[in-house]
N, C-alpha and C. Protein backbone atom coordinates (compact mmCIF):
# COMPACT_ATOMS: atom_id res chain seq x y z
N MET A 1 88.15 102.26 74.93
CA MET A 1 88.79 101.04 75.40
C MET A 1 89.71 101.35 76.57
N LYS A 2 90.54 102.39 76.43
CA LYS A 2 91.47 102.73 77.51
C LYS A 2 90.73 103.17 78.76
N LYS A 3 89.63 103.92 78.58
CA LYS A 3 88.84 104.37 79.73
C LYS A 3 88.26 103.18 80.49
N GLY A 4 87.82 102.16 79.75
CA GLY A 4 87.27 100.95 80.36
C GLY A 4 88.32 100.21 81.18
N LEU A 5 89.52 100.12 80.64
CA LEU A 5 90.61 99.45 81.37
C LEU A 5 91.02 100.24 82.60
N ILE A 6 91.06 101.55 82.46
CA ILE A 6 91.41 102.39 83.62
C ILE A 6 90.34 102.25 84.70
N PHE A 7 89.07 102.25 84.29
CA PHE A 7 87.97 102.09 85.25
C PHE A 7 88.09 100.75 85.98
N MET A 8 88.31 99.67 85.25
CA MET A 8 88.44 98.34 85.86
C MET A 8 89.63 98.30 86.81
N PHE A 9 90.72 98.93 86.45
CA PHE A 9 91.90 98.98 87.29
C PHE A 9 91.59 99.72 88.59
N LEU A 10 90.91 100.86 88.49
CA LEU A 10 90.57 101.64 89.68
C LEU A 10 89.60 100.88 90.59
N VAL A 11 88.62 100.20 90.02
CA VAL A 11 87.69 99.40 90.81
C VAL A 11 88.44 98.28 91.52
N SER A 12 89.36 97.63 90.84
CA SER A 12 90.15 96.56 91.45
C SER A 12 90.97 97.08 92.63
N ILE A 13 91.59 98.22 92.45
CA ILE A 13 92.38 98.81 93.53
C ILE A 13 91.48 99.15 94.72
N PHE A 14 90.30 99.71 94.43
CA PHE A 14 89.37 100.06 95.50
C PHE A 14 88.95 98.83 96.29
N LEU A 15 88.60 97.75 95.60
CA LEU A 15 88.17 96.54 96.29
C LEU A 15 89.29 95.92 97.11
N VAL A 16 90.49 95.94 96.60
CA VAL A 16 91.63 95.43 97.36
C VAL A 16 91.88 96.30 98.58
N ALA A 17 91.80 97.60 98.42
CA ALA A 17 92.03 98.53 99.54
C ALA A 17 90.99 98.35 100.63
N CYS A 18 89.78 98.00 100.26
CA CYS A 18 88.72 97.79 101.25
C CYS A 18 88.79 96.39 101.85
N GLY A 19 89.66 95.56 101.33
CA GLY A 19 89.77 94.20 101.84
C GLY A 19 88.64 93.30 101.38
N LYS A 20 87.93 93.70 100.35
CA LYS A 20 86.78 92.95 99.89
C LYS A 20 87.22 91.69 99.16
N ASP A 21 86.53 90.61 99.43
CA ASP A 21 86.82 89.31 98.84
C ASP A 21 85.78 89.02 97.77
N SER A 22 86.18 88.35 96.73
CA SER A 22 85.26 88.04 95.65
C SER A 22 84.22 87.01 96.05
N ASN A 23 84.37 86.40 97.21
CA ASN A 23 83.43 85.39 97.68
C ASN A 23 82.30 85.98 98.50
N GLY A 24 82.17 87.28 98.55
CA GLY A 24 81.05 87.89 99.24
C GLY A 24 81.29 88.22 100.69
N TYR A 25 82.53 88.24 101.13
CA TYR A 25 82.83 88.63 102.50
C TYR A 25 84.14 89.42 102.54
N TRP A 26 84.31 90.18 103.61
CA TRP A 26 85.52 90.98 103.78
C TRP A 26 85.67 91.33 105.25
N SER A 27 86.86 91.65 105.63
CA SER A 27 87.14 92.11 106.99
C SER A 27 86.97 93.62 107.03
N ILE A 28 86.21 94.11 108.02
CA ILE A 28 86.00 95.54 108.17
C ILE A 28 87.02 96.06 109.18
N GLU A 29 87.86 96.95 108.73
CA GLU A 29 88.96 97.48 109.55
C GLU A 29 88.46 98.52 110.55
N ASP A 30 89.27 98.79 111.57
CA ASP A 30 88.90 99.75 112.63
C ASP A 30 88.54 101.12 112.06
N SER A 31 89.25 101.57 111.05
CA SER A 31 88.96 102.89 110.49
C SER A 31 87.56 102.94 109.88
N GLU A 32 87.08 101.82 109.37
CA GLU A 32 85.73 101.75 108.81
C GLU A 32 84.68 101.60 109.91
N ILE A 33 85.04 100.91 111.00
CA ILE A 33 84.11 100.74 112.12
C ILE A 33 83.74 102.09 112.70
N ASN A 34 84.68 103.01 112.72
CA ASN A 34 84.42 104.34 113.26
C ASN A 34 83.32 105.07 112.51
N LYS A 35 83.03 104.66 111.28
CA LYS A 35 81.97 105.27 110.48
C LYS A 35 80.61 104.62 110.73
N LEU A 36 80.60 103.51 111.46
CA LEU A 36 79.38 102.76 111.73
C LEU A 36 79.09 102.84 113.23
N SER A 37 78.33 103.84 113.64
CA SER A 37 78.18 104.17 115.07
C SER A 37 77.65 103.02 115.91
N GLU A 38 76.68 102.26 115.41
CA GLU A 38 76.11 101.16 116.18
C GLU A 38 77.16 100.07 116.45
N ILE A 39 77.96 99.78 115.45
CA ILE A 39 79.02 98.78 115.60
C ILE A 39 80.12 99.32 116.50
N GLN A 40 80.48 100.57 116.31
CA GLN A 40 81.51 101.19 117.14
C GLN A 40 81.11 101.14 118.62
N GLN A 41 79.86 101.43 118.90
CA GLN A 41 79.35 101.40 120.28
C GLN A 41 79.42 99.98 120.86
N TYR A 42 79.04 98.99 120.06
CA TYR A 42 79.09 97.60 120.52
C TYR A 42 80.53 97.14 120.78
N VAL A 43 81.45 97.51 119.89
CA VAL A 43 82.86 97.15 120.06
C VAL A 43 83.41 97.81 121.33
N ALA A 44 83.05 99.05 121.59
CA ALA A 44 83.49 99.73 122.82
C ALA A 44 82.97 99.00 124.05
N GLU A 45 81.75 98.51 123.96
CA GLU A 45 81.18 97.73 125.07
C GLU A 45 81.96 96.43 125.29
N LEU A 46 82.39 95.79 124.20
CA LEU A 46 83.19 94.56 124.32
C LEU A 46 84.53 94.83 125.00
N GLN A 47 85.04 96.05 124.86
CA GLN A 47 86.34 96.39 125.43
C GLN A 47 86.24 96.93 126.86
N SER A 48 85.03 97.19 127.34
CA SER A 48 84.90 97.76 128.68
C SER A 48 84.03 96.89 129.59
N GLU A 49 82.79 96.66 129.22
CA GLU A 49 81.85 95.97 130.10
C GLU A 49 81.77 94.46 129.86
N ARG A 50 82.04 94.04 128.66
CA ARG A 50 81.84 92.63 128.30
C ARG A 50 83.13 91.98 127.82
N ILE A 51 84.21 92.17 128.58
CA ILE A 51 85.51 91.70 128.10
C ILE A 51 85.64 90.18 128.07
N ASP A 52 84.73 89.46 128.71
CA ASP A 52 84.78 88.00 128.67
C ASP A 52 83.70 87.41 127.77
N TYR A 53 82.97 88.25 127.03
CA TYR A 53 81.90 87.77 126.16
C TYR A 53 82.48 87.08 124.93
N ARG A 54 81.97 85.89 124.67
CA ARG A 54 82.40 85.10 123.51
C ARG A 54 81.15 84.84 122.67
N GLY A 55 81.14 85.34 121.45
CA GLY A 55 79.98 85.13 120.59
C GLY A 55 80.00 86.08 119.41
N TYR A 56 78.81 86.34 118.87
CA TYR A 56 78.73 87.24 117.73
C TYR A 56 77.43 88.01 117.76
N LYS A 57 77.43 89.11 117.04
CA LYS A 57 76.23 89.93 116.87
C LYS A 57 76.20 90.40 115.43
N ILE A 58 75.01 90.30 114.81
CA ILE A 58 74.84 90.67 113.41
C ILE A 58 74.21 92.05 113.31
N PHE A 59 74.77 92.89 112.44
CA PHE A 59 74.27 94.24 112.19
C PHE A 59 73.91 94.37 110.72
N ASN A 60 72.89 95.15 110.43
CA ASN A 60 72.56 95.50 109.05
C ASN A 60 73.39 96.72 108.66
N ILE A 61 74.01 96.63 107.48
CA ILE A 61 74.74 97.78 106.96
C ILE A 61 74.19 98.08 105.58
N ALA A 62 74.81 98.91 104.84
CA ALA A 62 74.30 99.44 103.57
C ALA A 62 73.74 98.38 102.63
N GLU A 63 72.59 98.70 102.04
CA GLU A 63 71.98 97.94 100.95
C GLU A 63 71.82 96.45 101.24
N GLY A 64 71.35 96.09 102.43
CA GLY A 64 71.08 94.70 102.76
C GLY A 64 72.28 93.89 103.16
N LYS A 65 73.45 94.45 103.11
CA LYS A 65 74.65 93.74 103.53
C LYS A 65 74.67 93.65 105.06
N LYS A 66 75.41 92.70 105.57
CA LYS A 66 75.51 92.47 107.00
C LYS A 66 76.94 92.66 107.48
N ALA A 67 77.06 93.02 108.74
CA ALA A 67 78.35 93.04 109.42
C ALA A 67 78.18 92.19 110.66
N VAL A 68 79.13 91.30 110.90
CA VAL A 68 79.09 90.42 112.06
C VAL A 68 80.30 90.72 112.92
N VAL A 69 80.04 91.09 114.18
CA VAL A 69 81.13 91.30 115.14
C VAL A 69 81.28 89.99 115.89
N ILE A 70 82.47 89.40 115.79
CA ILE A 70 82.76 88.12 116.45
C ILE A 70 83.81 88.38 117.51
N SER A 71 83.49 88.00 118.76
CA SER A 71 84.46 88.19 119.85
C SER A 71 84.77 86.85 120.50
N THR A 72 86.00 86.74 121.01
CA THR A 72 86.47 85.47 121.56
C THR A 72 86.44 85.38 123.08
N GLY A 73 86.32 86.53 123.75
CA GLY A 73 86.40 86.51 125.21
C GLY A 73 87.82 86.38 125.71
N GLU A 74 88.78 86.40 124.81
CA GLU A 74 90.19 86.32 125.16
C GLU A 74 90.84 87.65 124.82
N SER A 75 91.90 87.96 125.52
CA SER A 75 92.53 89.26 125.29
C SER A 75 93.80 89.14 124.48
N PHE A 76 94.10 90.25 123.81
CA PHE A 76 95.38 90.51 123.16
C PHE A 76 95.75 89.57 122.02
N LYS A 77 94.77 89.00 121.33
CA LYS A 77 95.02 88.18 120.15
C LYS A 77 94.40 88.84 118.92
N LYS A 78 95.10 88.81 117.81
CA LYS A 78 94.51 89.28 116.56
C LYS A 78 93.77 88.12 115.91
N LEU A 79 92.69 88.44 115.23
CA LEU A 79 91.89 87.44 114.56
C LEU A 79 91.90 87.70 113.07
N ARG A 80 91.66 86.66 112.29
CA ARG A 80 91.54 86.80 110.85
C ARG A 80 90.48 85.82 110.36
N ILE A 81 89.94 86.09 109.18
CA ILE A 81 88.98 85.18 108.57
C ILE A 81 89.77 84.04 107.95
N ALA A 82 89.50 82.82 108.38
CA ALA A 82 90.20 81.67 107.83
C ALA A 82 89.43 81.05 106.67
N LYS A 83 88.09 81.07 106.78
CA LYS A 83 87.28 80.42 105.76
C LYS A 83 85.85 80.90 105.86
N MET A 84 85.19 80.97 104.74
CA MET A 84 83.76 81.31 104.69
C MET A 84 83.09 80.25 103.84
N HIS A 85 81.96 79.77 104.33
CA HIS A 85 81.21 78.75 103.59
C HIS A 85 79.76 79.16 103.53
N GLN A 86 79.17 79.03 102.35
CA GLN A 86 77.76 79.33 102.19
C GLN A 86 77.13 78.24 101.35
N SER A 87 76.00 77.74 101.83
CA SER A 87 75.23 76.79 101.04
C SER A 87 73.82 77.33 100.91
N SER A 88 72.93 76.55 100.37
CA SER A 88 71.55 77.01 100.24
C SER A 88 70.82 76.99 101.59
N LYS A 89 71.44 76.36 102.60
CA LYS A 89 70.79 76.22 103.91
C LYS A 89 71.46 77.01 105.03
N ASP A 90 72.74 77.35 104.87
CA ASP A 90 73.41 78.04 105.96
C ASP A 90 74.63 78.82 105.50
N THR A 91 75.12 79.65 106.43
CA THR A 91 76.32 80.45 106.22
C THR A 91 77.23 80.20 107.41
N ALA A 92 78.50 79.95 107.15
CA ALA A 92 79.45 79.70 108.24
C ALA A 92 80.74 80.45 107.98
N VAL A 93 81.29 81.02 109.03
CA VAL A 93 82.58 81.69 108.95
C VAL A 93 83.49 81.04 109.99
N THR A 94 84.72 80.79 109.60
CA THR A 94 85.73 80.27 110.52
C THR A 94 86.76 81.35 110.73
N ILE A 95 87.02 81.66 111.99
CA ILE A 95 88.05 82.64 112.31
C ILE A 95 89.25 81.94 112.92
N ALA A 96 90.40 82.55 112.77
CA ALA A 96 91.63 82.00 113.32
C ALA A 96 92.27 83.02 114.25
N LYS A 97 92.74 82.54 115.39
CA LYS A 97 93.52 83.38 116.30
C LYS A 97 94.96 83.33 115.81
N THR A 98 95.57 84.47 115.65
CA THR A 98 96.95 84.51 115.18
C THR A 98 97.89 84.68 116.38
N GLU A 99 99.15 84.58 116.12
CA GLU A 99 100.15 84.79 117.16
C GLU A 99 100.44 86.28 117.36
N ASP A 100 99.92 87.11 116.47
CA ASP A 100 100.13 88.55 116.56
C ASP A 100 99.43 89.13 117.78
N HIS A 101 100.05 90.08 118.41
CA HIS A 101 99.52 90.74 119.60
C HIS A 101 98.59 91.89 119.21
N SER A 102 97.52 92.04 119.98
CA SER A 102 96.63 93.19 119.79
C SER A 102 96.46 93.88 121.15
N ASN A 103 95.88 95.05 121.14
CA ASN A 103 95.62 95.79 122.38
C ASN A 103 94.21 95.58 122.89
N TYR A 104 93.45 94.68 122.29
CA TYR A 104 92.06 94.48 122.66
C TYR A 104 91.93 93.65 123.93
N LYS A 105 91.08 94.10 124.84
CA LYS A 105 90.79 93.34 126.05
C LYS A 105 89.91 92.13 125.72
N ASN A 106 89.09 92.27 124.71
CA ASN A 106 88.28 91.17 124.19
C ASN A 106 88.52 91.15 122.68
N SER A 107 89.31 90.20 122.23
CA SER A 107 89.67 90.14 120.82
C SER A 107 88.41 89.98 119.97
N TYR A 108 88.38 90.71 118.85
CA TYR A 108 87.21 90.66 117.97
C TYR A 108 87.64 90.88 116.54
N ILE A 109 86.73 90.55 115.65
CA ILE A 109 86.87 90.84 114.23
C ILE A 109 85.49 91.21 113.72
N VAL A 110 85.44 92.12 112.77
CA VAL A 110 84.18 92.49 112.14
C VAL A 110 84.23 92.01 110.70
N VAL A 111 83.27 91.17 110.35
CA VAL A 111 83.23 90.56 109.03
C VAL A 111 82.04 91.13 108.27
N GLY A 112 82.30 91.70 107.10
CA GLY A 112 81.23 92.14 106.21
C GLY A 112 80.82 90.98 105.33
N ILE A 113 79.51 90.81 105.16
CA ILE A 113 78.99 89.70 104.37
C ILE A 113 77.91 90.23 103.43
N GLU A 114 78.04 89.89 102.17
CA GLU A 114 77.05 90.31 101.17
C GLU A 114 75.65 89.86 101.57
N GLU A 115 75.52 88.59 101.97
CA GLU A 115 74.23 88.02 102.31
C GLU A 115 74.42 86.84 103.25
N ILE A 116 73.61 86.76 104.29
CA ILE A 116 73.61 85.59 105.16
C ILE A 116 72.44 84.72 104.73
N VAL A 117 72.76 83.50 104.35
CA VAL A 117 71.75 82.55 103.89
C VAL A 117 71.47 81.56 105.01
N GLY A 118 70.22 81.42 105.40
CA GLY A 118 69.82 80.43 106.40
C GLY A 118 70.45 80.67 107.76
N ALA A 119 70.75 79.57 108.44
CA ALA A 119 71.36 79.63 109.77
C ALA A 119 72.79 80.16 109.65
N PHE A 120 73.24 80.83 110.71
CA PHE A 120 74.59 81.40 110.71
C PHE A 120 75.41 80.72 111.79
N PHE A 121 76.62 80.30 111.44
CA PHE A 121 77.51 79.61 112.36
C PHE A 121 78.89 80.28 112.37
N VAL A 122 79.53 80.26 113.53
CA VAL A 122 80.90 80.76 113.66
C VAL A 122 81.73 79.62 114.24
N PHE A 123 82.86 79.36 113.60
CA PHE A 123 83.82 78.37 114.09
C PHE A 123 85.13 79.08 114.35
N GLU A 124 85.89 78.53 115.27
CA GLU A 124 87.17 79.13 115.63
C GLU A 124 88.25 78.07 115.56
N ARG A 125 89.41 78.50 115.14
CA ARG A 125 90.56 77.58 115.12
C ARG A 125 91.82 78.35 115.43
N ASP A 126 92.84 77.61 115.84
CA ASP A 126 94.14 78.23 116.04
C ASP A 126 94.81 78.39 114.69
N GLU A 127 95.71 79.34 114.60
CA GLU A 127 96.39 79.66 113.35
C GLU A 127 97.08 78.44 112.73
N LEU A 128 97.62 77.55 113.54
CA LEU A 128 98.41 76.45 113.01
C LEU A 128 97.59 75.25 112.57
N GLN A 129 96.31 75.20 112.91
CA GLN A 129 95.46 74.10 112.48
C GLN A 129 95.14 74.22 111.01
N GLU A 130 95.02 73.08 110.36
CA GLU A 130 94.62 73.09 108.95
C GLU A 130 93.12 72.88 108.86
N ILE A 131 92.52 73.48 107.87
CA ILE A 131 91.11 73.27 107.61
C ILE A 131 91.00 72.58 106.27
N THR A 132 90.19 71.54 106.24
CA THR A 132 89.98 70.84 104.98
C THR A 132 88.55 71.13 104.52
N ASP A 133 88.37 71.16 103.24
CA ASP A 133 87.03 71.42 102.67
C ASP A 133 86.18 70.19 102.74
């Protein structure tokens, strides 16, 4: 019994440390991007050659999971995941620009997703806007 509780506690800590969300998505931090060479190369391109590119690119990562690099074409803003929606027909992620400063020439966020269902959409909002379901 105690071993089971300790195991569950350790798994919970691991998932929190990785930023994993129970809804099937998580933010992939820079330290993790360095382990994913294809994504690291694309992010470097966004910071040098494509600093005004606004859009997203989907990458396959471990065991069928996806990583989506979303860039705004704007500089020096931090981004966060504001909302994720999945239905039987589509998957949508909403990102928010925060007031926090970043060193990125093209602000971006990398979102890990368990599964992309149907069409994929990205929405953007300012930090102060409210989103209603």
